[in-house]
Protein backbone atom coordinates (compact mmCIF):
# COMPACT_ATOMS: atom_id res chain seq x y z
CA MET A 1 70.49 86.73 -2.84
CA SER A 2 72.90 88.91 -0.92
CA ALA A 3 76.65 89.08 -1.44
CA GLN A 4 77.03 87.95 2.19
CA ALA A 5 75.02 84.79 1.50
CA LEU A 6 77.17 84.05 -1.55
CA ARG A 7 80.45 84.53 0.38
CA SER A 8 79.33 82.49 3.39
CA GLY A 9 77.79 79.69 1.35
CA ARG A 10 74.44 80.01 3.11
CA ALA A 11 71.12 80.10 1.35
CA GLY A 12 68.42 79.61 3.91
CA ALA A 13 68.19 76.01 5.09
CA SER A 14 70.07 74.66 2.11
CA GLY A 15 73.29 75.50 0.33
CA THR A 16 72.04 74.03 -2.93
CA VAL A 17 70.97 77.40 -4.33
CA VAL A 18 74.34 78.94 -3.52
CA ARG A 19 76.16 75.92 -4.92
CA LEU A 20 74.16 76.18 -8.16
CA LEU A 21 74.95 79.90 -8.38
CA ARG A 22 78.65 79.25 -7.78
CA PHE A 23 78.61 76.45 -10.34
CA ALA A 24 76.99 78.83 -12.84
CA LEU A 25 79.58 81.55 -12.14
CA VAL A 26 82.41 79.07 -12.60
CA GLY A 27 80.70 77.86 -15.75
CA ALA A 28 80.45 81.44 -17.03
CA SER A 29 84.17 81.93 -16.52
CA GLY A 30 84.79 78.60 -18.24
CA PHE A 31 82.55 79.77 -21.08
CA ALA A 32 84.88 82.75 -21.56
CA VAL A 33 87.84 80.35 -21.76
CA ASP A 34 85.87 78.16 -24.16
CA ILE A 35 84.97 81.06 -26.47
CA ALA A 36 88.52 82.44 -26.50
CA VAL A 37 89.98 79.07 -27.46
CA TYR A 38 87.17 78.42 -29.97
CA PHE A 39 87.87 81.66 -31.85
CA ALA A 40 91.65 81.30 -31.58
CA LEU A 41 91.49 77.84 -33.14
CA GLN A 42 89.32 79.06 -36.00
CA TRP A 43 91.68 81.99 -36.54
CA ALA A 44 94.47 79.39 -36.77
CA GLY A 45 92.53 77.64 -39.54
CA LEU A 46 90.61 74.82 -37.84
CA ASP A 47 87.08 73.98 -38.97
CA HIS A 48 84.50 75.41 -36.56
CA ARG A 49 83.26 71.91 -35.57
CA VAL A 50 86.79 70.75 -34.70
CA ALA A 51 87.43 74.04 -32.87
CA ARG A 52 84.22 73.48 -30.90
CA PHE A 53 85.34 70.03 -29.80
CA VAL A 54 88.89 71.07 -28.88
CA SER A 55 87.92 74.29 -27.06
CA PHE A 56 85.86 72.30 -24.59
CA TRP A 57 88.89 70.74 -22.85
CA PRO A 58 90.74 73.84 -21.58
CA ALA A 59 87.40 75.16 -20.35
CA ALA A 60 86.59 71.86 -18.64
CA SER A 61 89.97 71.84 -16.88
CA TRP A 62 89.42 75.40 -15.68
CA ASN A 63 85.96 74.49 -14.39
CA TRP A 64 87.14 71.36 -12.58
CA LEU A 65 89.75 73.27 -10.63
CA LEU A 66 87.51 76.22 -9.68
CA ASN A 67 84.63 73.95 -8.70
CA ARG A 68 86.97 71.85 -6.57
CA ARG A 69 88.32 74.92 -4.78
CA TRP A 70 85.16 77.03 -4.50
CA THR A 71 81.82 75.44 -5.42
CA PHE A 72 82.36 72.14 -3.61
CA SER A 73 85.05 73.25 -1.15
CA GLU A 74 83.05 72.04 1.87
CA ARG A 75 83.41 68.47 0.71
CA ALA A 76 86.58 66.59 1.58
CA PRO A 77 88.64 66.60 -1.59
CA ASP A 78 89.33 63.25 -3.18
CA ALA A 79 92.72 62.47 -4.59
CA ARG A 80 93.14 64.61 -7.68
CA ALA A 81 93.67 61.68 -10.04
CA GLY A 82 90.50 59.87 -8.97
CA GLN A 83 88.41 63.00 -8.97
CA TRP A 84 89.85 64.09 -12.31
CA ALA A 85 88.97 60.67 -13.78
CA ARG A 86 85.37 61.00 -12.56
CA PHE A 87 85.28 64.56 -13.87
CA VAL A 88 86.51 63.48 -17.29
CA ALA A 89 83.94 60.65 -17.38
CA SER A 90 81.12 63.04 -16.54
CA SER A 91 82.53 65.64 -18.93
CA VAL A 92 82.28 63.19 -21.80
CA VAL A 93 78.53 63.06 -21.20
CA GLY A 94 78.36 66.86 -21.08
CA LEU A 95 80.62 67.10 -24.13
CA ALA A 96 78.41 64.74 -26.10
CA LEU A 97 75.39 66.92 -25.36
CA ASN A 98 77.32 70.19 -25.77
CA ALA A 99 79.30 69.57 -28.95
CA GLY A 100 76.77 67.09 -30.33
CA SER A 101 73.89 69.54 -30.17
CA TYR A 102 76.16 72.22 -31.70
CA ALA A 103 77.13 69.94 -34.59
CA VAL A 104 73.54 68.85 -35.24
CA LEU A 105 72.16 72.38 -35.06
CA THR A 106 74.82 73.95 -37.28
CA THR A 107 74.83 71.10 -39.80
CA PHE A 108 71.09 70.58 -40.24
CA THR A 109 69.58 73.98 -39.42
CA GLY A 110 70.39 76.97 -41.60
CA PHE A 111 69.47 79.44 -38.86
CA PHE A 112 72.01 77.97 -36.43
CA ASP A 113 74.63 77.64 -39.16
CA ARG A 114 74.30 81.39 -39.73
CA HIS A 115 74.17 82.10 -35.97
CA ARG A 116 76.72 79.63 -34.60
CA MET A 117 77.06 81.42 -31.27
CA LEU A 118 73.42 80.64 -30.49
CA ALA A 119 74.06 76.96 -31.20
CA LEU A 120 77.15 77.11 -28.99
CA VAL A 121 75.20 78.76 -26.14
CA PHE A 122 72.44 76.15 -26.44
CA GLY A 123 74.99 73.33 -26.25
CA VAL A 124 76.77 74.88 -23.28
CA GLY A 125 73.46 75.29 -21.41
CA LEU A 126 72.33 71.73 -22.05
CA GLY A 127 75.72 70.28 -21.14
CA GLY A 128 75.93 72.55 -18.07
CA LEU A 129 72.70 71.32 -16.53
CA VAL A 130 73.74 67.70 -16.90
CA ASN A 131 77.24 68.49 -15.62
CA PHE A 132 75.85 70.14 -12.45
CA ALA A 133 73.84 67.04 -11.64
CA LEU A 134 76.84 64.77 -12.26
CA ALA A 135 79.23 67.06 -10.36
CA THR A 136 76.96 67.13 -7.33
CA ARG A 137 76.33 63.41 -7.15
CA TYR A 138 79.39 61.85 -8.75
CA VAL A 139 82.48 64.04 -9.14
CA TYR A 140 82.43 66.02 -5.88
CA ARG A 141 80.32 63.49 -4.03
CA TRP A 142 79.78 63.50 -0.30
CA ARG A 143 81.99 61.11 1.60
CA LEU A 144 81.68 59.90 5.18
CA ALA A 145 84.50 62.24 6.23
CA ASP A 146 82.45 65.21 5.00
CA ARG A 147 79.89 64.85 7.77
CA HIS A 148 82.50 66.06 10.25
CA ARG A 149 84.26 68.51 7.95
CA VAL A 150 81.58 71.17 7.39
CA ARG A 151 82.90 74.30 9.07
CA PRO A 152 80.91 77.25 10.43
CA GLY A 153 79.96 79.62 7.65
CA ARG A 154 79.95 76.84 5.06
CA PHE A 155 77.03 75.00 3.52
CA ALA A 156 74.45 73.90 6.02
CA ASP A 157 73.19 70.97 3.99
CA ALA A 158 74.53 67.57 4.90
CA PRO A 159 75.11 64.46 2.86
CA PRO A 160 72.30 61.98 2.73
CA ARG A 161 72.22 59.44 5.53
CA THR A 162 73.66 56.08 4.63
CA GLY A 163 71.64 53.78 6.85
CA GLY A 164 70.89 53.40 10.49
CA PRO A 165 68.02 54.99 12.44
C-alpha cells in the first residue's frame, strides 16, 4: 500500500484496509504507552499483574483520542462523553481478553511466566482484534449525518443502508 493511499484514506473500492492499518498504527503507539507505564509501575513496586491492569488505561485513552481524530475522522464525531462511554464499555471487553489472557498465561504456564512480554503481546493482539470490531460498529459507528459528510479524498466506503429501496 502506498503512502499516498494511507494519507488519502483510499484503498481501492473500500477504506476498510486503510482503516485497519490506521487502527493498527494507533494501537502500536498505544502499545508503546502501555509498555512504558507497565514498566514504570513495576519499577515503582507494583506486582506485574496489577501493573498490567493499570497500564491499560492510559494506553486506551491515547488510542481513543487518536482513533477519533485519525482512524475514524470521516465519521461525524459523537459528543465526547457518549463516545467515551461506549469506548470504555468496549474497552472493558478488550481489557478482559487482554489482561485476562496475560494473567492466565503467566500464572498457569511457566514459559509465559518466564517470558511475560510474549504473554503481554498475545493479550494485546487478542484484545486489539476485538476492539477493532467494536470500534468500527459501536464506538465510532456510522450515523445518518455521515452519509453527507464524507469529503473528497476520504474513505470511499459508505455506511450500510438503513431501509428503503
